[in-house]
Amino acid sequence: MNTPLAFPAPASPVYQFADNVDTLALTDQLTARQAQLHALLAMTHGNAGDTFRRMNADQQEHYLWACAMIADEARELTQAIRMHRQTTMLTRQAQDD
């Protein structure tokens, strides 16, 4: 699976999945990035959000930009998992025929 990821730089992909990547590896990466995003966002509201709100505007912007990039990566990983599962299913169906 040679899928380019565009999440870090919208102009062009920077990373690509290894040709031998499997659904489990993609799911592990997605789970890790979701946990990281959850932790980052937890610091932006409630009592923990006080520290975030004391950051200057540039720091807040960069912090939320990092969150957006992780969310974009999670979206692309989810799409890649769907594509990988579809490809696997089609391959199995073709072998059964």
Foldseek 3Di string as FASTA:
>chain_A
DFDFACLVPVVDGDDTDPPPDALVNLVVLLVVLVVVLVVLVVCCDDPSNVVLVPDDPVVNVVSVSVSSSSVSSSVVSVVVSVVRVVVVVVVVVVVVD
